[in-house]
N, C-alpha and C. Protein backbone atom coordinates (compact mmCIF):
# COMPACT_ATOMS: atom_id res chain seq x y z
N MET A 1 0.82 -1.20 0.00
CA MET A 1 0.00 0.00 0.00
C MET A 1 0.87 1.26 0.00
N MET A 2 1.95 1.29 0.78
CA MET A 2 2.80 2.47 0.84
C MET A 2 3.57 2.64 -0.48
N ASP A 3 3.81 1.53 -1.24
CA ASP A 3 4.43 1.66 -2.55
C ASP A 3 3.52 2.44 -3.49
N ALA A 4 2.21 2.18 -3.42
CA ALA A 4 1.26 2.93 -4.24
C ALA A 4 1.29 4.40 -3.85
N LEU A 5 1.39 4.68 -2.56
CA LEU A 5 1.47 6.06 -2.09
C LEU A 5 2.75 6.72 -2.59
N SER A 6 3.85 6.00 -2.56
CA SER A 6 5.13 6.54 -3.02
C SER A 6 5.04 7.02 -4.46
N LYS A 7 4.44 6.22 -5.33
CA LYS A 7 4.28 6.61 -6.73
C LYS A 7 3.36 7.82 -6.85
N LEU A 8 2.34 7.86 -6.03
CA LEU A 8 1.35 8.93 -6.08
C LEU A 8 1.92 10.27 -5.64
N ILE A 9 2.81 10.26 -4.66
CA ILE A 9 3.31 11.52 -4.10
C ILE A 9 4.72 11.88 -4.56
N SER A 10 5.29 11.14 -5.49
CA SER A 10 6.69 11.36 -5.88
C SER A 10 6.97 12.78 -6.35
N ASP A 11 5.98 13.52 -6.84
CA ASP A 11 6.20 14.91 -7.25
C ASP A 11 6.29 15.85 -6.05
N VAL A 12 5.82 15.40 -4.89
CA VAL A 12 5.85 16.22 -3.68
C VAL A 12 7.05 15.84 -2.82
N PHE A 13 7.26 14.54 -2.65
CA PHE A 13 8.38 14.05 -1.87
C PHE A 13 8.89 12.78 -2.52
N PRO A 14 10.22 12.59 -2.63
CA PRO A 14 10.76 11.47 -3.40
C PRO A 14 10.38 10.07 -2.92
N ALA A 15 10.12 9.88 -1.64
CA ALA A 15 9.79 8.54 -1.15
C ALA A 15 8.62 8.64 -0.17
N ALA A 16 7.83 7.60 -0.14
CA ALA A 16 6.68 7.59 0.77
C ALA A 16 7.16 7.46 2.21
N PRO A 17 6.49 8.15 3.12
CA PRO A 17 6.81 7.97 4.54
C PRO A 17 6.48 6.55 4.98
N GLY A 18 7.03 6.13 6.09
CA GLY A 18 6.82 4.77 6.57
C GLY A 18 5.49 4.51 7.23
N ALA A 19 4.78 5.56 7.61
CA ALA A 19 3.51 5.39 8.31
C ALA A 19 2.38 6.11 7.58
N LYS A 20 1.18 5.72 7.90
CA LYS A 20 0.00 6.29 7.25
C LYS A 20 -0.72 7.28 8.16
N VAL A 21 -1.08 8.42 7.61
CA VAL A 21 -1.90 9.40 8.30
C VAL A 21 -3.36 9.00 8.08
N GLU A 22 -4.12 8.89 9.14
CA GLU A 22 -5.54 8.60 9.01
C GLU A 22 -6.27 9.92 8.75
N VAL A 23 -7.06 9.97 7.67
CA VAL A 23 -7.78 11.19 7.29
C VAL A 23 -9.24 10.81 7.09
N ARG A 24 -10.10 11.27 8.02
CA ARG A 24 -11.53 10.93 7.99
C ARG A 24 -12.36 12.20 7.90
N TYR A 25 -13.24 12.23 6.92
CA TYR A 25 -14.09 13.41 6.69
C TYR A 25 -15.44 13.27 7.36
N PRO A 26 -16.04 14.41 7.76
CA PRO A 26 -17.39 14.38 8.35
C PRO A 26 -18.42 13.72 7.45
N SER A 27 -18.19 13.71 6.13
CA SER A 27 -19.13 13.09 5.19
C SER A 27 -19.13 11.57 5.28
N GLY A 28 -18.14 11.00 6.01
CA GLY A 28 -18.07 9.55 6.15
C GLY A 28 -17.01 8.88 5.30
N VAL A 29 -16.32 9.63 4.44
CA VAL A 29 -15.28 9.04 3.60
C VAL A 29 -13.91 9.26 4.24
N SER A 30 -12.94 8.47 3.78
CA SER A 30 -11.56 8.58 4.26
C SER A 30 -10.60 8.55 3.09
N ALA A 31 -9.47 9.25 3.24
CA ALA A 31 -8.39 9.14 2.26
C ALA A 31 -7.75 7.77 2.44
N ASP A 32 -7.39 7.13 1.32
CA ASP A 32 -6.78 5.80 1.41
C ASP A 32 -5.79 5.60 0.27
N CYS A 33 -4.63 6.19 0.40
CA CYS A 33 -3.50 6.00 -0.53
C CYS A 33 -3.89 6.17 -1.99
N GLY A 34 -4.67 7.20 -2.28
CA GLY A 34 -4.97 7.53 -3.67
C GLY A 34 -6.37 7.20 -4.14
N ASN A 35 -7.25 6.80 -3.23
CA ASN A 35 -8.63 6.52 -3.66
C ASN A 35 -9.27 7.81 -4.18
N GLU A 36 -10.31 7.66 -4.99
CA GLU A 36 -10.99 8.83 -5.53
C GLU A 36 -12.15 9.25 -4.63
N LEU A 37 -12.13 10.52 -4.25
CA LEU A 37 -13.20 11.13 -3.47
C LEU A 37 -13.70 12.33 -4.26
N THR A 38 -14.85 12.88 -3.89
CA THR A 38 -15.37 14.05 -4.60
C THR A 38 -15.14 15.32 -3.79
N PRO A 39 -15.05 16.48 -4.45
CA PRO A 39 -14.96 17.74 -3.71
C PRO A 39 -16.11 17.92 -2.71
N THR A 40 -17.29 17.47 -3.06
CA THR A 40 -18.43 17.56 -2.15
C THR A 40 -18.17 16.75 -0.88
N GLN A 41 -17.57 15.58 -1.01
CA GLN A 41 -17.30 14.72 0.15
C GLN A 41 -16.20 15.29 1.06
N VAL A 42 -15.29 16.09 0.51
CA VAL A 42 -14.13 16.54 1.29
C VAL A 42 -14.15 18.05 1.56
N LYS A 43 -15.31 18.67 1.47
CA LYS A 43 -15.37 20.12 1.63
C LYS A 43 -15.17 20.58 3.08
N GLU A 44 -15.43 19.72 4.05
CA GLU A 44 -15.26 20.08 5.47
C GLU A 44 -13.93 19.56 5.98
N ARG A 45 -13.35 20.27 6.92
CA ARG A 45 -12.06 19.88 7.51
C ARG A 45 -12.14 18.49 8.11
N PRO A 46 -11.18 17.62 7.77
CA PRO A 46 -11.21 16.24 8.27
C PRO A 46 -10.61 16.11 9.67
N LYS A 47 -10.85 14.96 10.26
CA LYS A 47 -10.15 14.54 11.47
C LYS A 47 -8.91 13.79 11.00
N VAL A 48 -7.77 14.15 11.54
CA VAL A 48 -6.51 13.58 11.10
C VAL A 48 -5.76 13.03 12.31
N SER A 49 -5.20 11.83 12.17
CA SER A 49 -4.43 11.26 13.28
C SER A 49 -3.29 10.40 12.74
N TRP A 50 -2.28 10.22 13.59
CA TRP A 50 -1.12 9.40 13.27
C TRP A 50 -0.50 8.98 14.60
N GLN A 51 0.40 8.01 14.53
CA GLN A 51 1.12 7.56 15.73
C GLN A 51 2.10 8.66 16.12
N ALA A 52 1.98 9.17 17.35
CA ALA A 52 2.87 10.25 17.77
C ALA A 52 3.13 10.20 19.26
N ASP A 53 4.33 10.56 19.62
CA ASP A 53 4.70 10.74 21.01
C ASP A 53 4.09 12.06 21.45
N PRO A 54 3.31 12.09 22.54
CA PRO A 54 2.65 13.33 22.96
C PRO A 54 3.62 14.46 23.30
N GLY A 55 4.89 14.15 23.54
CA GLY A 55 5.87 15.18 23.87
C GLY A 55 6.57 15.80 22.66
N THR A 56 6.10 15.49 21.46
CA THR A 56 6.73 16.01 20.25
C THR A 56 5.80 16.98 19.53
N LEU A 57 6.39 17.81 18.67
CA LEU A 57 5.62 18.76 17.85
C LEU A 57 5.66 18.29 16.40
N HIS A 58 4.56 18.58 15.67
CA HIS A 58 4.45 18.14 14.28
C HIS A 58 3.91 19.23 13.37
N THR A 59 4.20 19.06 12.09
CA THR A 59 3.65 19.89 11.02
C THR A 59 2.78 18.99 10.14
N LEU A 60 1.61 19.49 9.76
CA LEU A 60 0.68 18.79 8.86
C LEU A 60 0.50 19.65 7.62
N ILE A 61 0.70 19.03 6.47
CA ILE A 61 0.55 19.71 5.18
C ILE A 61 -0.42 18.94 4.31
N MET A 62 -1.31 19.66 3.62
CA MET A 62 -2.13 19.09 2.55
C MET A 62 -1.84 19.93 1.31
N THR A 63 -1.41 19.28 0.24
CA THR A 63 -1.00 20.00 -0.96
C THR A 63 -1.49 19.30 -2.22
N ASP A 64 -1.66 20.07 -3.28
CA ASP A 64 -2.07 19.57 -4.60
C ASP A 64 -0.94 19.84 -5.59
N PRO A 65 -0.22 18.80 -6.03
CA PRO A 65 0.85 19.01 -6.99
C PRO A 65 0.38 19.13 -8.45
N ASP A 66 -0.91 19.06 -8.69
CA ASP A 66 -1.45 19.00 -10.06
C ASP A 66 -2.19 20.27 -10.46
N ALA A 67 -1.60 21.42 -10.19
CA ALA A 67 -2.29 22.67 -10.49
C ALA A 67 -1.66 23.37 -11.69
N PRO A 68 -2.44 23.71 -12.69
CA PRO A 68 -3.87 23.51 -12.80
C PRO A 68 -4.28 22.11 -13.28
N SER A 69 -3.30 21.28 -13.76
CA SER A 69 -3.62 19.91 -14.15
C SER A 69 -2.35 19.08 -14.09
N ARG A 70 -2.47 17.77 -14.26
CA ARG A 70 -1.27 16.91 -14.23
C ARG A 70 -0.37 17.16 -15.44
N THR A 71 -0.94 17.64 -16.54
CA THR A 71 -0.12 17.91 -17.72
C THR A 71 0.41 19.34 -17.75
N ASP A 72 -0.19 20.23 -17.01
CA ASP A 72 0.27 21.63 -16.89
C ASP A 72 0.37 21.95 -15.40
N ARG A 73 1.58 21.84 -14.88
CA ARG A 73 1.78 22.04 -13.44
C ARG A 73 2.34 23.43 -13.14
N SER A 74 1.97 24.42 -13.94
CA SER A 74 2.53 25.77 -13.82
C SER A 74 2.14 26.48 -12.52
N MET A 75 1.10 26.04 -11.84
CA MET A 75 0.69 26.66 -10.57
C MET A 75 1.02 25.75 -9.37
N SER A 76 1.70 24.67 -9.64
CA SER A 76 2.01 23.66 -8.62
C SER A 76 3.06 24.18 -7.65
N GLU A 77 2.95 23.75 -6.47
CA GLU A 77 1.88 23.10 -5.74
C GLU A 77 0.90 24.14 -5.20
N VAL A 78 -0.29 23.70 -4.87
CA VAL A 78 -1.24 24.56 -4.17
C VAL A 78 -1.38 24.02 -2.75
N ARG A 79 -1.18 24.91 -1.78
CA ARG A 79 -1.25 24.57 -0.36
C ARG A 79 -2.72 24.64 0.07
N TYR A 80 -3.29 23.49 0.43
CA TYR A 80 -4.68 23.42 0.85
C TYR A 80 -4.84 23.50 2.36
N TRP A 81 -3.78 23.15 3.09
CA TRP A 81 -3.85 23.18 4.55
C TRP A 81 -2.44 23.15 5.09
N LEU A 82 -2.16 23.97 6.09
CA LEU A 82 -0.86 23.96 6.75
C LEU A 82 -1.05 24.23 8.23
N MET A 83 -0.61 23.27 9.04
CA MET A 83 -0.64 23.42 10.49
C MET A 83 0.75 23.12 11.03
N VAL A 84 1.19 23.92 12.00
CA VAL A 84 2.49 23.70 12.63
C VAL A 84 2.32 23.65 14.14
N ASN A 85 3.38 23.21 14.80
CA ASN A 85 3.41 23.16 16.27
C ASN A 85 2.24 22.37 16.86
N ILE A 86 1.93 21.24 16.22
CA ILE A 86 0.88 20.35 16.71
C ILE A 86 1.49 19.46 17.79
N PRO A 87 0.96 19.53 19.02
CA PRO A 87 1.50 18.67 20.08
C PRO A 87 1.00 17.23 19.89
N GLY A 88 1.94 16.29 19.75
CA GLY A 88 1.56 14.90 19.48
C GLY A 88 0.77 14.86 18.18
N CYS A 89 -0.45 14.31 18.25
CA CYS A 89 -1.32 14.36 17.06
C CYS A 89 -2.62 15.09 17.39
N GLN A 90 -2.54 16.04 18.31
CA GLN A 90 -3.70 16.84 18.70
C GLN A 90 -3.82 18.03 17.75
N VAL A 91 -4.32 17.77 16.55
CA VAL A 91 -4.38 18.77 15.48
C VAL A 91 -5.07 20.05 15.95
N ASP A 92 -6.14 19.94 16.68
CA ASP A 92 -6.88 21.12 17.12
C ASP A 92 -6.08 22.03 18.05
N LYS A 93 -4.98 21.54 18.59
CA LYS A 93 -4.15 22.36 19.47
C LYS A 93 -2.94 22.96 18.75
N GLY A 94 -2.84 22.71 17.45
CA GLY A 94 -1.75 23.27 16.66
C GLY A 94 -2.07 24.66 16.15
N ASP A 95 -1.14 25.25 15.45
CA ASP A 95 -1.28 26.58 14.86
C ASP A 95 -1.69 26.41 13.39
N GLU A 96 -2.95 26.76 13.09
CA GLU A 96 -3.45 26.63 11.72
C GLU A 96 -3.00 27.85 10.93
N VAL A 97 -1.95 27.67 10.14
CA VAL A 97 -1.35 28.75 9.36
C VAL A 97 -2.19 29.04 8.12
N SER A 98 -2.49 28.01 7.36
CA SER A 98 -3.35 28.12 6.19
C SER A 98 -4.57 27.26 6.47
N GLU A 99 -5.72 27.91 6.63
CA GLU A 99 -6.93 27.17 6.98
C GLU A 99 -7.30 26.18 5.88
N TYR A 100 -7.89 25.07 6.29
CA TYR A 100 -8.29 24.00 5.38
C TYR A 100 -9.28 24.49 4.34
N ILE A 101 -9.03 24.11 3.09
CA ILE A 101 -10.05 24.21 2.04
C ILE A 101 -10.11 22.85 1.36
N GLY A 102 -11.30 22.46 0.91
CA GLY A 102 -11.47 21.18 0.24
C GLY A 102 -10.93 21.22 -1.18
N SER A 103 -10.92 20.07 -1.82
CA SER A 103 -10.37 19.97 -3.18
C SER A 103 -11.14 20.86 -4.15
N GLY A 104 -10.41 21.42 -5.11
CA GLY A 104 -11.04 22.37 -6.03
C GLY A 104 -10.53 22.26 -7.44
N ALA A 105 -10.42 21.05 -7.96
CA ALA A 105 -9.92 20.85 -9.32
C ALA A 105 -10.84 21.54 -10.33
N PRO A 106 -10.28 22.47 -11.12
CA PRO A 106 -11.12 23.15 -12.12
C PRO A 106 -11.71 22.17 -13.15
N LYS A 107 -12.83 22.56 -13.72
CA LYS A 107 -13.53 21.74 -14.71
C LYS A 107 -12.59 21.40 -15.88
N GLY A 108 -12.60 20.13 -16.27
CA GLY A 108 -11.84 19.68 -17.43
C GLY A 108 -10.36 19.42 -17.15
N THR A 109 -9.93 19.47 -15.89
CA THR A 109 -8.51 19.27 -15.59
C THR A 109 -8.20 17.86 -15.09
N GLY A 110 -9.20 17.00 -15.03
CA GLY A 110 -8.98 15.61 -14.63
C GLY A 110 -8.72 15.44 -13.15
N LEU A 111 -8.19 14.28 -12.81
CA LEU A 111 -7.91 13.96 -11.41
C LEU A 111 -6.71 14.75 -10.89
N HIS A 112 -6.87 15.27 -9.70
CA HIS A 112 -5.78 15.93 -8.98
C HIS A 112 -5.46 15.07 -7.76
N ARG A 113 -4.18 15.06 -7.37
CA ARG A 113 -3.74 14.37 -6.16
C ARG A 113 -3.74 15.36 -4.99
N TYR A 114 -4.30 14.94 -3.88
CA TYR A 114 -4.29 15.74 -2.66
C TYR A 114 -3.50 14.95 -1.62
N VAL A 115 -2.33 15.47 -1.29
CA VAL A 115 -1.35 14.75 -0.49
C VAL A 115 -1.27 15.32 0.92
N PHE A 116 -1.32 14.44 1.91
CA PHE A 116 -1.16 14.80 3.31
C PHE A 116 0.21 14.31 3.77
N LEU A 117 0.98 15.18 4.40
CA LEU A 117 2.28 14.81 4.94
C LEU A 117 2.37 15.32 6.38
N VAL A 118 2.92 14.51 7.24
CA VAL A 118 3.17 14.89 8.63
C VAL A 118 4.67 14.80 8.88
N TYR A 119 5.21 15.85 9.46
CA TYR A 119 6.63 15.92 9.80
C TYR A 119 6.78 16.10 11.30
N ARG A 120 7.80 15.48 11.85
CA ARG A 120 8.15 15.73 13.26
C ARG A 120 9.05 16.95 13.28
N GLN A 121 8.70 17.92 14.09
CA GLN A 121 9.48 19.16 14.20
C GLN A 121 10.60 18.98 15.22
N PRO A 122 11.79 19.54 14.94
CA PRO A 122 12.86 19.48 15.93
C PRO A 122 12.59 20.41 17.11
N ASP A 123 11.77 21.43 16.88
CA ASP A 123 11.44 22.43 17.89
C ASP A 123 10.25 23.22 17.39
N SER A 124 9.75 24.13 18.20
CA SER A 124 8.66 25.01 17.77
C SER A 124 9.14 25.84 16.58
N ILE A 125 8.25 26.07 15.60
CA ILE A 125 8.65 26.88 14.45
C ILE A 125 7.74 28.09 14.28
N THR A 126 8.31 29.11 13.68
CA THR A 126 7.58 30.32 13.33
C THR A 126 7.57 30.38 11.81
N VAL A 127 6.43 30.67 11.23
CA VAL A 127 6.33 30.69 9.76
C VAL A 127 6.21 32.12 9.25
N ASP A 128 6.54 32.26 7.99
CA ASP A 128 6.41 33.54 7.31
C ASP A 128 4.95 33.98 7.36
N PRO A 129 4.67 35.21 7.78
CA PRO A 129 3.28 35.70 7.87
C PRO A 129 2.52 35.63 6.54
N SER A 130 3.23 35.64 5.41
CA SER A 130 2.55 35.58 4.11
C SER A 130 1.85 34.24 3.89
N LEU A 131 2.20 33.21 4.66
CA LEU A 131 1.55 31.91 4.53
C LEU A 131 0.21 31.85 5.25
N ARG A 132 -0.07 32.85 6.08
CA ARG A 132 -1.32 32.85 6.85
C ARG A 132 -2.48 33.29 5.97
N VAL A 133 -3.37 32.34 5.71
CA VAL A 133 -4.58 32.61 4.92
C VAL A 133 -5.76 31.90 5.55
N THR A 134 -6.92 32.54 5.44
CA THR A 134 -8.15 31.93 5.94
C THR A 134 -8.73 31.04 4.84
N ARG A 135 -9.80 30.36 5.17
CA ARG A 135 -10.44 29.49 4.16
C ARG A 135 -11.10 30.29 3.05
N PHE A 136 -11.16 31.61 3.20
CA PHE A 136 -11.76 32.46 2.18
C PHE A 136 -10.72 33.20 1.34
N GLN A 137 -9.45 32.87 1.52
CA GLN A 137 -8.38 33.56 0.81
C GLN A 137 -7.56 32.60 -0.04
N ARG A 138 -7.27 33.02 -1.26
CA ARG A 138 -6.37 32.28 -2.13
C ARG A 138 -4.93 32.63 -1.74
N GLY A 139 -4.65 33.94 -1.63
CA GLY A 139 -3.37 34.44 -1.15
C GLY A 139 -2.16 33.72 -1.72
N SER A 140 -1.31 33.25 -0.83
CA SER A 140 -0.04 32.63 -1.21
C SER A 140 -0.14 31.12 -1.41
N ARG A 141 -1.34 30.59 -1.57
CA ARG A 141 -1.50 29.13 -1.69
C ARG A 141 -0.85 28.54 -2.95
N PRO A 142 -1.01 29.17 -4.14
CA PRO A 142 -0.40 28.58 -5.35
C PRO A 142 1.12 28.75 -5.39
N LYS A 143 1.75 27.91 -6.21
CA LYS A 143 3.20 27.96 -6.46
C LYS A 143 4.00 27.85 -5.17
N TRP A 144 3.65 26.85 -4.39
CA TRP A 144 4.27 26.61 -3.09
C TRP A 144 4.92 25.23 -3.13
N SER A 145 5.85 24.95 -2.25
CA SER A 145 6.50 23.64 -2.22
C SER A 145 6.57 23.10 -0.80
N ALA A 146 5.94 21.96 -0.59
CA ALA A 146 6.00 21.30 0.72
C ALA A 146 7.43 20.91 1.04
N GLN A 147 8.15 20.41 0.04
CA GLN A 147 9.53 19.98 0.27
C GLN A 147 10.43 21.17 0.64
N LYS A 148 10.24 22.29 -0.03
CA LYS A 148 11.03 23.49 0.29
C LYS A 148 10.71 23.98 1.71
N PHE A 149 9.43 23.97 2.07
CA PHE A 149 9.02 24.36 3.42
C PHE A 149 9.70 23.46 4.45
N ALA A 150 9.68 22.15 4.20
CA ALA A 150 10.30 21.20 5.12
C ALA A 150 11.80 21.47 5.26
N LEU A 151 12.47 21.75 4.17
CA LEU A 151 13.90 22.06 4.21
C LEU A 151 14.17 23.34 4.99
N GLU A 152 13.37 24.39 4.73
CA GLU A 152 13.55 25.67 5.40
C GLU A 152 13.40 25.57 6.92
N HIS A 153 12.59 24.62 7.37
CA HIS A 153 12.31 24.50 8.80
C HIS A 153 12.97 23.28 9.44
N GLY A 154 13.90 22.64 8.72
CA GLY A 154 14.64 21.52 9.27
C GLY A 154 13.78 20.34 9.66
N LEU A 155 12.73 20.07 8.86
CA LEU A 155 11.78 19.01 9.22
C LEU A 155 12.22 17.62 8.78
N GLY A 156 13.16 17.52 7.87
CA GLY A 156 13.60 16.21 7.40
C GLY A 156 12.54 15.54 6.55
N ALA A 157 12.56 14.21 6.54
CA ALA A 157 11.60 13.43 5.75
C ALA A 157 10.27 13.35 6.50
N PRO A 158 9.16 13.22 5.75
CA PRO A 158 7.86 13.09 6.43
C PRO A 158 7.79 11.80 7.25
N LEU A 159 7.15 11.93 8.39
CA LEU A 159 6.95 10.82 9.31
C LEU A 159 5.80 9.92 8.82
N ALA A 160 4.75 10.55 8.28
CA ALA A 160 3.56 9.82 7.84
C ALA A 160 2.93 10.55 6.66
N GLY A 161 2.14 9.83 5.88
CA GLY A 161 1.49 10.44 4.72
C GLY A 161 0.26 9.69 4.29
N ASN A 162 -0.47 10.30 3.38
CA ASN A 162 -1.65 9.70 2.77
C ASN A 162 -2.06 10.59 1.61
N ALA A 163 -3.00 10.15 0.82
CA ALA A 163 -3.46 10.94 -0.31
C ALA A 163 -4.80 10.43 -0.81
N PHE A 164 -5.52 11.31 -1.49
CA PHE A 164 -6.70 10.92 -2.25
C PHE A 164 -6.64 11.67 -3.57
N GLN A 165 -7.48 11.29 -4.50
CA GLN A 165 -7.58 11.97 -5.77
C GLN A 165 -9.01 12.49 -5.92
N ALA A 166 -9.13 13.62 -6.61
CA ALA A 166 -10.46 14.19 -6.84
C ALA A 166 -10.44 14.97 -8.14
N GLN A 167 -11.61 15.07 -8.74
CA GLN A 167 -11.77 15.89 -9.93
C GLN A 167 -13.02 16.75 -9.74
N TYR A 168 -13.25 17.61 -10.68
CA TYR A 168 -14.35 18.59 -10.62
C TYR A 168 -15.69 17.94 -10.30
N ASP A 169 -16.46 18.60 -9.44
CA ASP A 169 -17.89 18.32 -9.29
C ASP A 169 -18.60 19.64 -9.03
N ASP A 170 -19.90 19.61 -8.77
CA ASP A 170 -20.69 20.84 -8.65
C ASP A 170 -20.32 21.72 -7.45
N TYR A 171 -19.55 21.20 -6.50
CA TYR A 171 -19.14 22.02 -5.36
C TYR A 171 -17.98 22.97 -5.71
N VAL A 172 -17.17 22.62 -6.70
CA VAL A 172 -15.97 23.40 -7.03
C VAL A 172 -16.26 24.87 -7.32
N PRO A 173 -17.29 25.23 -8.13
CA PRO A 173 -17.55 26.66 -8.34
C PRO A 173 -17.89 27.40 -7.05
N ILE A 174 -18.54 26.73 -6.11
CA ILE A 174 -18.87 27.35 -4.82
C ILE A 174 -17.57 27.64 -4.06
N LEU A 175 -16.66 26.67 -4.02
CA LEU A 175 -15.37 26.85 -3.35
C LEU A 175 -14.60 28.00 -3.98
N HIS A 176 -14.50 28.01 -5.30
CA HIS A 176 -13.73 29.06 -6.00
C HIS A 176 -14.34 30.44 -5.76
N GLN A 177 -15.66 30.51 -5.70
CA GLN A 177 -16.33 31.78 -5.46
C GLN A 177 -16.03 32.32 -4.06
N GLN A 178 -15.85 31.41 -3.09
CA GLN A 178 -15.54 31.80 -1.71
C GLN A 178 -14.13 32.36 -1.56
N LEU A 179 -13.23 31.94 -2.45
CA LEU A 179 -11.83 32.34 -2.34
C LEU A 179 -11.61 33.71 -2.96
N SER A 180 -11.17 34.65 -2.15
CA SER A 180 -10.83 35.98 -2.66
C SER A 180 -9.36 35.98 -3.04
N GLY A 181 -8.84 37.12 -3.45
CA GLY A 181 -7.44 37.26 -3.87
C GLY A 181 -6.42 36.90 -2.86
């Protein structure tokens, strides 16, 4: 299963992490190493968990390497969610830098990969204020790199990961309309 994930996320990180991040949505669906979900199913922030020592801090990233499509990655990556300084795996106690937005593959662009990566932090980190965006802001989300962020903050290789794929459905125009500049 992790081999399938490795192939799926190779554009974001060269090798799959050794552990799986559990990602469960309020709609009842879960990410499972590349399964296909719909934007409607993943529009609400998921519950996320992984094996973690409660005395450690973590970073959680959700990114789309297929922007605007797998054949034209000129806007890649798009940061869909960024949380830092998560104690153990208590996501709600972390610092939500870029608020969660659900998948938003534009019409006619095919399947997009939505990759979740968890990193163990060596210490508490402070992020560039330009990364702070609400769920209603596009801001600095496009043309971002999870791997570059990890290098800048000394995060090393991801501890855990997961992914799903999604393509356009009727929820996408609603999401795009909510996002301002």
